[in-house]
Protein backbone atom coordinates (compact mmCIF):
# COMPACT_ATOMS: atom_id res chain seq x y z
CA UNK A 1 0.00 0.00 0.00
CA UNK A 2 2.84 2.41 0.90
CA UNK A 3 4.53 1.66 -2.43
CA UNK A 4 1.38 2.63 -4.34
CA UNK A 5 1.23 5.91 -2.40
CA UNK A 6 4.89 6.71 -3.16
CA UNK A 7 4.44 5.91 -6.84
CA UNK A 8 1.27 8.02 -6.99
CA UNK A 9 2.95 11.07 -5.50
CA UNK A 10 5.84 10.55 -7.92
CA UNK A 11 3.42 10.74 -10.85
CA UNK A 12 1.67 13.76 -9.34
CA UNK A 13 5.08 15.43 -8.94
CA UNK A 14 5.83 14.80 -12.61
CA UNK A 15 2.52 16.30 -13.68
CA UNK A 16 2.95 19.35 -11.44
CA UNK A 17 6.48 20.18 -12.51
CA UNK A 18 6.14 19.41 -16.22
CA UNK A 19 2.71 21.02 -16.28
CA UNK A 20 4.00 24.21 -14.67
CA UNK A 21 6.95 24.28 -17.06
CA UNK A 22 4.68 23.79 -20.08
CA UNK A 23 2.24 26.48 -18.95
CA UNK A 24 5.13 28.86 -18.39
CA UNK A 25 6.75 28.00 -21.72
CA UNK A 26 3.51 28.70 -23.59
CA UNK A 27 2.92 31.98 -21.78
CA UNK A 28 -0.08 30.82 -19.74
CA UNK A 29 1.53 31.49 -16.36
CA UNK A 30 4.52 33.52 -15.30
CA UNK A 31 7.57 32.06 -13.59
CA UNK A 32 6.99 34.69 -10.93
CA UNK A 33 3.41 33.59 -10.26
CA UNK A 34 2.44 31.90 -7.02
CA UNK A 35 0.76 29.08 -8.96
CA UNK A 36 4.00 28.28 -10.81
CA UNK A 37 6.10 28.33 -7.66
CA UNK A 38 3.57 26.33 -5.62
CA UNK A 39 3.44 23.66 -8.34
CA UNK A 40 7.25 23.46 -8.24
CA UNK A 41 7.31 23.40 -4.44
CA UNK A 42 4.72 20.65 -4.10
CA UNK A 43 6.14 18.70 -7.04
CA UNK A 44 9.62 18.94 -5.55
CA UNK A 45 8.46 17.76 -2.13
CA UNK A 46 6.66 14.80 -3.70
CA UNK A 47 9.74 13.96 -5.79
CA UNK A 48 11.95 14.06 -2.68
CA UNK A 49 9.72 11.47 -1.02
CA UNK A 50 9.63 9.32 -4.16
CA UNK A 51 13.37 9.44 -4.86
CA UNK A 52 14.37 8.80 -1.24
CA UNK A 53 12.05 5.79 -1.19
CA UNK A 54 13.81 4.48 -4.32
CA UNK A 55 17.23 5.35 -2.86
CA UNK A 56 17.91 7.64 -5.83
CA UNK A 57 19.88 10.06 -3.69
CA UNK A 58 21.33 12.26 -6.46
CA UNK A 59 17.78 12.91 -7.69
CA UNK A 60 16.63 13.48 -4.12
CA UNK A 61 19.38 16.09 -3.70
CA UNK A 62 18.32 17.89 -6.90
CA UNK A 63 14.74 17.96 -5.68
CA UNK A 64 15.71 19.28 -2.25
CA UNK A 65 17.44 22.16 -4.06
CA UNK A 66 14.32 22.53 -6.28
CA UNK A 67 12.17 22.87 -3.14
CA UNK A 68 14.54 25.44 -1.62
CA UNK A 69 14.45 27.51 -4.80
CA UNK A 70 10.64 27.39 -5.02
CA UNK A 71 10.29 28.23 -1.33
CA UNK A 72 12.71 31.14 -1.68
CA UNK A 73 10.79 32.45 -4.69
CA UNK A 74 7.49 32.24 -2.78
CA UNK A 75 8.98 34.13 0.16
CA UNK A 76 10.26 36.79 -2.23
CA UNK A 77 6.83 37.02 -3.89
CA UNK A 78 5.18 37.49 -0.51
CA UNK A 79 7.47 40.44 0.25
CA UNK A 80 6.57 42.21 -2.99
PDB file of N, CA and C in Angstrom:
ATOM      1  N   UNK A   1       0.821  -1.199   0.000  1.00  0.00           N
ATOM      2  CA  UNK A   1       0.000   0.000   0.000  1.00  0.00           C
ATOM      3  C   UNK A   1       0.868   1.268   0.000  1.00  0.00           C
ATOM      4  N   UNK A   2       1.929   1.267   0.834  1.00  0.00           N
ATOM      5  CA  UNK A   2       2.835   2.410   0.899  1.00  0.00           C
ATOM      6  C   UNK A   2       3.512   2.639  -0.445  1.00  0.00           C
ATOM      7  N   UNK A   3       3.875   1.545  -1.126  1.00  0.00           N
ATOM      8  CA  UNK A   3       4.530   1.663  -2.427  1.00  0.00           C
ATOM      9  C   UNK A   3       3.611   2.337  -3.444  1.00  0.00           C
ATOM     10  N   UNK A   4       2.345   2.007  -3.419  1.00  0.00           N
ATOM     11  CA  UNK A   4       1.383   2.632  -4.339  1.00  0.00           C
ATOM     12  C   UNK A   4       1.294   4.133  -4.055  1.00  0.00           C
ATOM     13  N   UNK A   5       1.269   4.499  -2.777  1.00  0.00           N
ATOM     14  CA  UNK A   5       1.225   5.913  -2.398  1.00  0.00           C
ATOM     15  C   UNK A   5       2.461   6.651  -2.919  1.00  0.00           C
ATOM     16  N   UNK A   6       3.641   6.081  -2.719  1.00  0.00           N
ATOM     17  CA  UNK A   6       4.889   6.711  -3.160  1.00  0.00           C
ATOM     18  C   UNK A   6       4.915   6.853  -4.677  1.00  0.00           C
ATOM     19  N   UNK A   7       4.475   5.831  -5.383  1.00  0.00           N
ATOM     20  CA  UNK A   7       4.436   5.912  -6.842  1.00  0.00           C
ATOM     21  C   UNK A   7       3.422   6.955  -7.309  1.00  0.00           C
ATOM     22  N   UNK A   8       2.299   7.036  -6.629  1.00  0.00           N
ATOM     23  CA  UNK A   8       1.272   8.015  -6.987  1.00  0.00           C
ATOM     24  C   UNK A   8       1.782   9.433  -6.810  1.00  0.00           C
ATOM     25  N   UNK A   9       2.436   9.717  -5.684  1.00  0.00           N
ATOM     26  CA  UNK A   9       2.947  11.074  -5.501  1.00  0.00           C
ATOM     27  C   UNK A   9       4.090  11.379  -6.470  1.00  0.00           C
ATOM     28  N   UNK A  10       4.816  10.346  -6.887  1.00  0.00           N
ATOM     29  CA  UNK A  10       5.840  10.546  -7.917  1.00  0.00           C
ATOM     30  C   UNK A  10       5.220  10.985  -9.234  1.00  0.00           C
ATOM     31  N   UNK A  11       4.122  10.354  -9.612  1.00  0.00           N
ATOM     32  CA  UNK A  11       3.421  10.736 -10.852  1.00  0.00           C
ATOM     33  C   UNK A  11       2.796  12.122 -10.719  1.00  0.00           C
ATOM     34  N   UNK A  12       2.243  12.418  -9.560  1.00  0.00           N
ATOM     35  CA  UNK A  12       1.672  13.757  -9.337  1.00  0.00           C
ATOM     36  C   UNK A  12       2.773  14.808  -9.428  1.00  0.00           C
ATOM     37  N   UNK A  13       3.938  14.511  -8.859  1.00  0.00           N
ATOM     38  CA  UNK A  13       5.078  15.427  -8.941  1.00  0.00           C
ATOM     39  C   UNK A  13       5.457  15.694 -10.390  1.00  0.00           C
ATOM     40  N   UNK A  14       5.497  14.641 -11.193  1.00  0.00           N
ATOM     41  CA  UNK A  14       5.831  14.800 -12.611  1.00  0.00           C
ATOM     42  C   UNK A  14       4.840  15.714 -13.313  1.00  0.00           C
ATOM     43  N   UNK A  15       3.565  15.492 -13.054  1.00  0.00           N
ATOM     44  CA  UNK A  15       2.519  16.302 -13.680  1.00  0.00           C
ATOM     45  C   UNK A  15       2.621  17.760 -13.238  1.00  0.00           C
ATOM     46  N   UNK A  16       2.843  17.982 -11.946  1.00  0.00           N
ATOM     47  CA  UNK A  16       2.948  19.351 -11.436  1.00  0.00           C
ATOM     48  C   UNK A  16       4.123  20.101 -12.047  1.00  0.00           C
ATOM     49  N   UNK A  17       5.286  19.477 -12.040  1.00  0.00           N
ATOM     50  CA  UNK A  17       6.484  20.178 -12.509  1.00  0.00           C
ATOM     51  C   UNK A  17       6.482  20.343 -14.025  1.00  0.00           C
ATOM     52  N   UNK A  18       6.174  19.294 -14.753  1.00  0.00           N
ATOM     53  CA  UNK A  18       6.143  19.407 -16.221  1.00  0.00           C
ATOM     54  C   UNK A  18       4.981  20.302 -16.653  1.00  0.00           C
ATOM     55  N   UNK A  19       3.855  20.175 -15.957  1.00  0.00           N
ATOM     56  CA  UNK A  19       2.707  21.022 -16.283  1.00  0.00           C
ATOM     57  C   UNK A  19       3.014  22.491 -16.068  1.00  0.00           C
ATOM     58  N   UNK A  20       3.638  22.825 -14.943  1.00  0.00           N
ATOM     59  CA  UNK A  20       4.002  24.214 -14.673  1.00  0.00           C
ATOM     60  C   UNK A  20       4.997  24.725 -15.709  1.00  0.00           C
ATOM     61  N   UNK A  21       5.963  23.890 -16.050  1.00  0.00           N
ATOM     62  CA  UNK A  21       6.952  24.278 -17.061  1.00  0.00           C
ATOM     63  C   UNK A  21       6.288  24.520 -18.414  1.00  0.00           C
ATOM     64  N   UNK A  22       5.383  23.637 -18.808  1.00  0.00           N
ATOM     65  CA  UNK A  22       4.684  23.786 -20.083  1.00  0.00           C
ATOM     66  C   UNK A  22       3.830  25.055 -20.095  1.00  0.00           C
ATOM     67  N   UNK A  23       3.073  25.275 -19.022  1.00  0.00           N
ATOM     68  CA  UNK A  23       2.239  26.477 -18.947  1.00  0.00           C
ATOM     69  C   UNK A  23       3.087  27.744 -18.998  1.00  0.00           C
ATOM     70  N   UNK A  24       4.229  27.721 -18.342  1.00  0.00           N
ATOM     71  CA  UNK A  24       5.133  28.864 -18.394  1.00  0.00           C
ATOM     72  C   UNK A  24       5.720  29.040 -19.786  1.00  0.00           C
ATOM     73  N   UNK A  25       6.136  27.942 -20.392  1.00  0.00           N
ATOM     74  CA  UNK A  25       6.750  28.000 -21.723  1.00  0.00           C
ATOM     75  C   UNK A  25       5.790  28.526 -22.787  1.00  0.00           C
ATOM     76  N   UNK A  26       4.508  28.247 -22.621  1.00  0.00           N
ATOM     77  CA  UNK A  26       3.505  28.695 -23.587  1.00  0.00           C
ATOM     78  C   UNK A  26       2.831  30.000 -23.174  1.00  0.00           C
ATOM     79  N   UNK A  27       3.387  30.665 -22.165  1.00  0.00           N
ATOM     80  CA  UNK A  27       2.918  31.980 -21.775  1.00  0.00           C
ATOM     81  C   UNK A  27       1.601  32.001 -21.020  1.00  0.00           C
ATOM     82  N   UNK A  28       1.191  30.877 -20.477  1.00  0.00           N
ATOM     83  CA  UNK A  28      -0.082  30.815 -19.742  1.00  0.00           C
ATOM     84  C   UNK A  28       0.074  31.255 -18.288  1.00  0.00           C
ATOM     85  N   UNK A  29       1.230  31.001 -17.702  1.00  0.00           N
ATOM     86  CA  UNK A  29       1.531  31.489 -16.355  1.00  0.00           C
ATOM     87  C   UNK A  29       2.961  32.009 -16.336  1.00  0.00           C
ATOM     88  N   UNK A  30       3.198  32.932 -15.434  1.00  0.00           N
ATOM     89  CA  UNK A  30       4.522  33.519 -15.301  1.00  0.00           C
ATOM     90  C   UNK A  30       5.366  32.718 -14.310  1.00  0.00           C
ATOM     91  N   UNK A  31       6.660  32.729 -14.525  1.00  0.00           N
ATOM     92  CA  UNK A  31       7.570  32.060 -13.593  1.00  0.00           C
ATOM     93  C   UNK A  31       7.557  32.750 -12.233  1.00  0.00           C
ATOM     94  N   UNK A  32       7.066  33.971 -12.185  1.00  0.00           N
ATOM     95  CA  UNK A  32       6.988  34.691 -10.925  1.00  0.00           C
ATOM     96  C   UNK A  32       5.599  34.594 -10.287  1.00  0.00           C
ATOM     97  N   UNK A  33       4.746  33.742 -10.850  1.00  0.00           N
ATOM     98  CA  UNK A  33       3.409  33.585 -10.263  1.00  0.00           C
ATOM     99  C   UNK A  33       3.445  32.602  -9.096  1.00  0.00           C
ATOM    100  N   UNK A  34       2.529  32.801  -8.163  1.00  0.00           N
ATOM    101  CA  UNK A  34       2.440  31.896  -7.020  1.00  0.00           C
ATOM    102  C   UNK A  34       2.055  30.487  -7.471  1.00  0.00           C
ATOM    103  N   UNK A  35       1.192  30.389  -8.463  1.00  0.00           N
ATOM    104  CA  UNK A  35       0.762  29.077  -8.965  1.00  0.00           C
ATOM    105  C   UNK A  35       1.964  28.288  -9.479  1.00  0.00           C
ATOM    106  N   UNK A  36       2.807  28.937 -10.257  1.00  0.00           N
ATOM    107  CA  UNK A  36       3.997  28.280 -10.813  1.00  0.00           C
ATOM    108  C   UNK A  36       4.917  27.800  -9.691  1.00  0.00           C
ATOM    109  N   UNK A  37       5.181  28.677  -8.739  1.00  0.00           N
ATOM    110  CA  UNK A  37       6.100  28.331  -7.657  1.00  0.00           C
ATOM    111  C   UNK A  37       5.510  27.287  -6.715  1.00  0.00           C
ATOM    112  N   UNK A  38       4.204  27.351  -6.460  1.00  0.00           N
ATOM    113  CA  UNK A  38       3.567  26.331  -5.621  1.00  0.00           C
ATOM    114  C   UNK A  38       3.590  24.961  -6.292  1.00  0.00           C
ATOM    115  N   UNK A  39       3.373  24.930  -7.615  1.00  0.00           N
ATOM    116  CA  UNK A  39       3.443  23.662  -8.341  1.00  0.00           C
ATOM    117  C   UNK A  39       4.848  23.074  -8.245  1.00  0.00           C
ATOM    118  N   UNK A  40       5.863  23.927  -8.370  1.00  0.00           N
ATOM    119  CA  UNK A  40       7.248  23.461  -8.242  1.00  0.00           C
ATOM    120  C   UNK A  40       7.569  23.027  -6.817  1.00  0.00           C
ATOM    121  N   UNK A  41       7.070  23.758  -5.834  1.00  0.00           N
ATOM    122  CA  UNK A  41       7.309  23.399  -4.442  1.00  0.00           C
ATOM    123  C   UNK A  41       6.681  22.047  -4.107  1.00  0.00           C
ATOM    124  N   UNK A  42       5.410  21.898  -4.410  1.00  0.00           N
ATOM    125  CA  UNK A  42       4.725  20.648  -4.098  1.00  0.00           C
ATOM    126  C   UNK A  42       5.288  19.486  -4.917  1.00  0.00           C
ATOM    127  N   UNK A  43       5.535  19.735  -6.195  1.00  0.00           N
ATOM    128  CA  UNK A  43       6.138  18.696  -7.036  1.00  0.00           C
ATOM    129  C   UNK A  43       7.506  18.277  -6.517  1.00  0.00           C
ATOM    130  N   UNK A  44       8.304  19.241  -6.089  1.00  0.00           N
ATOM    131  CA  UNK A  44       9.623  18.937  -5.546  1.00  0.00           C
ATOM    132  C   UNK A  44       9.550  18.125  -4.263  1.00  0.00           C
ATOM    133  N   UNK A  45       8.628  18.503  -3.387  1.00  0.00           N
ATOM    134  CA  UNK A  45       8.459  17.758  -2.132  1.00  0.00           C
ATOM    135  C   UNK A  45       8.050  16.316  -2.432  1.00  0.00           C
ATOM    136  N   UNK A  46       7.109  16.155  -3.339  1.00  0.00           N
ATOM    137  CA  UNK A  46       6.664  14.805  -3.700  1.00  0.00           C
ATOM    138  C   UNK A  46       7.799  14.002  -4.334  1.00  0.00           C
ATOM    139  N   UNK A  47       8.611  14.659  -5.176  1.00  0.00           N
ATOM    140  CA  UNK A  47       9.738  13.963  -5.786  1.00  0.00           C
ATOM    141  C   UNK A  47      10.783  13.575  -4.747  1.00  0.00           C
ATOM    142  N   UNK A  48      10.995  14.410  -3.744  1.00  0.00           N
ATOM    143  CA  UNK A  48      11.946  14.058  -2.678  1.00  0.00           C
ATOM    144  C   UNK A  48      11.498  12.756  -2.021  1.00  0.00           C
ATOM    145  N   UNK A  49      10.230  12.687  -1.662  1.00  0.00           N
ATOM    146  CA  UNK A  49       9.716  11.465  -1.021  1.00  0.00           C
ATOM    147  C   UNK A  49       9.886  10.255  -1.936  1.00  0.00           C
ATOM    148  N   UNK A  50       9.552  10.426  -3.207  1.00  0.00           N
ATOM    149  CA  UNK A  50       9.630   9.321  -4.161  1.00  0.00           C
ATOM    150  C   UNK A  50      11.073   8.864  -4.373  1.00  0.00           C
ATOM    151  N   UNK A  51      11.979   9.811  -4.556  1.00  0.00           N
ATOM    152  CA  UNK A  51      13.366   9.440  -4.855  1.00  0.00           C
ATOM    153  C   UNK A  51      14.089   8.877  -3.635  1.00  0.00           C
ATOM    154  N   UNK A  52      13.771   9.369  -2.449  1.00  0.00           N
ATOM    155  CA  UNK A  52      14.372   8.796  -1.241  1.00  0.00           C
ATOM    156  C   UNK A  52      13.883   7.357  -1.069  1.00  0.00           C
ATOM    157  N   UNK A  53      12.607   7.139  -1.293  1.00  0.00           N
ATOM    158  CA  UNK A  53      12.054   5.786  -1.193  1.00  0.00           C
ATOM    159  C   UNK A  53      12.788   4.825  -2.128  1.00  0.00           C
ATOM    160  N   UNK A  54      13.119   5.304  -3.329  1.00  0.00           N
ATOM    161  CA  UNK A  54      13.810   4.477  -4.321  1.00  0.00           C
ATOM    162  C   UNK A  54      15.333   4.521  -4.169  1.00  0.00           C
ATOM    163  N   UNK A  55      15.793   5.210  -3.135  1.00  0.00           N
ATOM    164  CA  UNK A  55      17.233   5.347  -2.865  1.00  0.00           C
ATOM    165  C   UNK A  55      17.981   5.979  -4.033  1.00  0.00           C
ATOM    166  N   UNK A  56      17.300   6.889  -4.723  1.00  0.00           N
ATOM    167  CA  UNK A  56      17.906   7.638  -5.826  1.00  0.00           C
ATOM    168  C   UNK A  56      18.384   8.973  -5.246  1.00  0.00           C
ATOM    169  N   UNK A  57      19.446   8.910  -4.477  1.00  0.00           N
ATOM    170  CA  UNK A  57      19.880  10.060  -3.693  1.00  0.00           C
ATOM    171  C   UNK A  57      20.354  11.260  -4.516  1.00  0.00           C
ATOM    172  N   UNK A  58      21.016  11.079  -5.659  1.00  0.00           N
ATOM    173  CA  UNK A  58      21.332  12.262  -6.463  1.00  0.00           C
ATOM    174  C   UNK A  58      20.071  13.010  -6.910  1.00  0.00           C
ATOM    175  N   UNK A  59      19.052  12.272  -7.316  1.00  0.00           N
ATOM    176  CA  UNK A  59      17.782  12.910  -7.694  1.00  0.00           C
ATOM    177  C   UNK A  59      17.112  13.546  -6.484  1.00  0.00           C
ATOM    178  N   UNK A  60      17.194  12.901  -5.345  1.00  0.00           N
ATOM    179  CA  UNK A  60      16.626  13.476  -4.121  1.00  0.00           C
ATOM    180  C   UNK A  60      17.299  14.804  -3.807  1.00  0.00           C
ATOM    181  N   UNK A  61      18.635  14.854  -3.950  1.00  0.00           N
ATOM    182  CA  UNK A  61      19.375  16.089  -3.700  1.00  0.00           C
ATOM    183  C   UNK A  61      18.901  17.203  -4.630  1.00  0.00           C
ATOM    184  N   UNK A  62      18.783  16.891  -5.922  1.00  0.00           N
ATOM    185  CA  UNK A  62      18.322  17.888  -6.896  1.00  0.00           C
ATOM    186  C   UNK A  62      16.949  18.415  -6.498  1.00  0.00           C
ATOM    187  N   UNK A  63      16.088  17.534  -6.041  1.00  0.00           N
ATOM    188  CA  UNK A  63      14.744  17.959  -5.680  1.00  0.00           C
ATOM    189  C   UNK A  63      14.699  18.730  -4.364  1.00  0.00           C
ATOM    190  N   UNK A  64      15.604  18.452  -3.456  1.00  0.00           N
ATOM    191  CA  UNK A  64      15.707  19.279  -2.247  1.00  0.00           C
ATOM    192  C   UNK A  64      16.088  20.706  -2.655  1.00  0.00           C
ATOM    193  N   UNK A  65      17.044  20.839  -3.562  1.00  0.00           N
ATOM    194  CA  UNK A  65      17.439  22.161  -4.063  1.00  0.00           C
ATOM    195  C   UNK A  65      16.253  22.816  -4.783  1.00  0.00           C
ATOM    196  N   UNK A  66      15.511  22.031  -5.562  1.00  0.00           N
ATOM    197  CA  UNK A  66      14.322  22.526  -6.278  1.00  0.00           C
ATOM    198  C   UNK A  66      13.322  23.119  -5.278  1.00  0.00           C
ATOM    199  N   UNK A  67      13.103  22.414  -4.183  1.00  0.00           N
ATOM    200  CA  UNK A  67      12.174  22.867  -3.140  1.00  0.00           C
ATOM    201  C   UNK A  67      12.680  24.161  -2.501  1.00  0.00           C
ATOM    202  N   UNK A  68      13.962  24.228  -2.222  1.00  0.00           N
ATOM    203  CA  UNK A  68      14.536  25.436  -1.617  1.00  0.00           C
ATOM    204  C   UNK A  68      14.367  26.630  -2.550  1.00  0.00           C
ATOM    205  N   UNK A  69      14.606  26.432  -3.831  1.00  0.00           N
ATOM    206  CA  UNK A  69      14.447  27.513  -4.803  1.00  0.00           C
ATOM    207  C   UNK A  69      12.991  27.974  -4.859  1.00  0.00           C
ATOM    208  N   UNK A  70      12.064  27.031  -4.948  1.00  0.00           N
ATOM    209  CA  UNK A  70      10.642  27.391  -5.019  1.00  0.00           C
ATOM    210  C   UNK A  70      10.196  28.101  -3.745  1.00  0.00           C
ATOM    211  N   UNK A  71      10.644  27.605  -2.607  1.00  0.00           N
ATOM    212  CA  UNK A  71      10.286  28.234  -1.333  1.00  0.00           C
ATOM    213  C   UNK A  71      10.851  29.647  -1.242  1.00  0.00           C
ATOM    214  N   UNK A  72      12.092  29.812  -1.673  1.00  0.00           N
ATOM    215  CA  UNK A  72      12.714  31.138  -1.682  1.00  0.00           C
ATOM    216  C   UNK A  72      11.958  32.108  -2.588  1.00  0.00           C
ATOM    217  N   UNK A  73      11.548  31.621  -3.744  1.00  0.00           N
ATOM    218  CA  UNK A  73      10.789  32.451  -4.687  1.00  0.00           C
ATOM    219  C   UNK A  73       9.442  32.849  -4.098  1.00  0.00           C
ATOM    220  N   UNK A  74       8.774  31.910  -3.409  1.00  0.00           N
ATOM    221  CA  UNK A  74       7.491  32.235  -2.777  1.00  0.00           C
ATOM    222  C   UNK A  74       7.656  33.273  -1.666  1.00  0.00           C
ATOM    223  N   UNK A  75       8.712  33.149  -0.898  1.00  0.00           N
ATOM    224  CA  UNK A  75       8.978  34.127   0.157  1.00  0.00           C
ATOM    225  C   UNK A  75       9.228  35.503  -0.458  1.00  0.00           C
ATOM    226  N   UNK A  76       9.987  35.525  -1.532  1.00  0.00           N
ATOM    227  CA  UNK A  76      10.261  36.790  -2.229  1.00  0.00           C
ATOM    228  C   UNK A  76       8.972  37.385  -2.780  1.00  0.00           C
ATOM    229  N   UNK A  77       8.104  36.539  -3.356  1.00  0.00           N
ATOM    230  CA  UNK A  77       6.832  37.024  -3.893  1.00  0.00           C
ATOM    231  C   UNK A  77       5.957  37.613  -2.788  1.00  0.00           C
ATOM    232  N   UNK A  78       5.998  37.004  -1.619  1.00  0.00           N
ATOM    233  CA  UNK A  78       5.183  37.486  -0.507  1.00  0.00           C
ATOM    234  C   UNK A  78       5.634  38.869  -0.046  1.00  0.00           C
ATOM    235  N   UNK A  79       6.928  39.148  -0.175  1.00  0.00           N
ATOM    236  CA  UNK A  79       7.475  40.435   0.250  1.00  0.00           C
ATOM    237  C   UNK A  79       7.178  41.551  -0.747  1.00  0.00           C
ATOM    238  N   UNK A  80       6.829  41.194  -1.965  1.00  0.00           N
ATOM    239  CA  UNK A  80       6.566  42.214  -2.991  1.00  0.00           C
ATOM    240  C   UNK A  80       5.253  42.915  -2.789  1.00  0.00           C
TER     241      UNK A  80
END
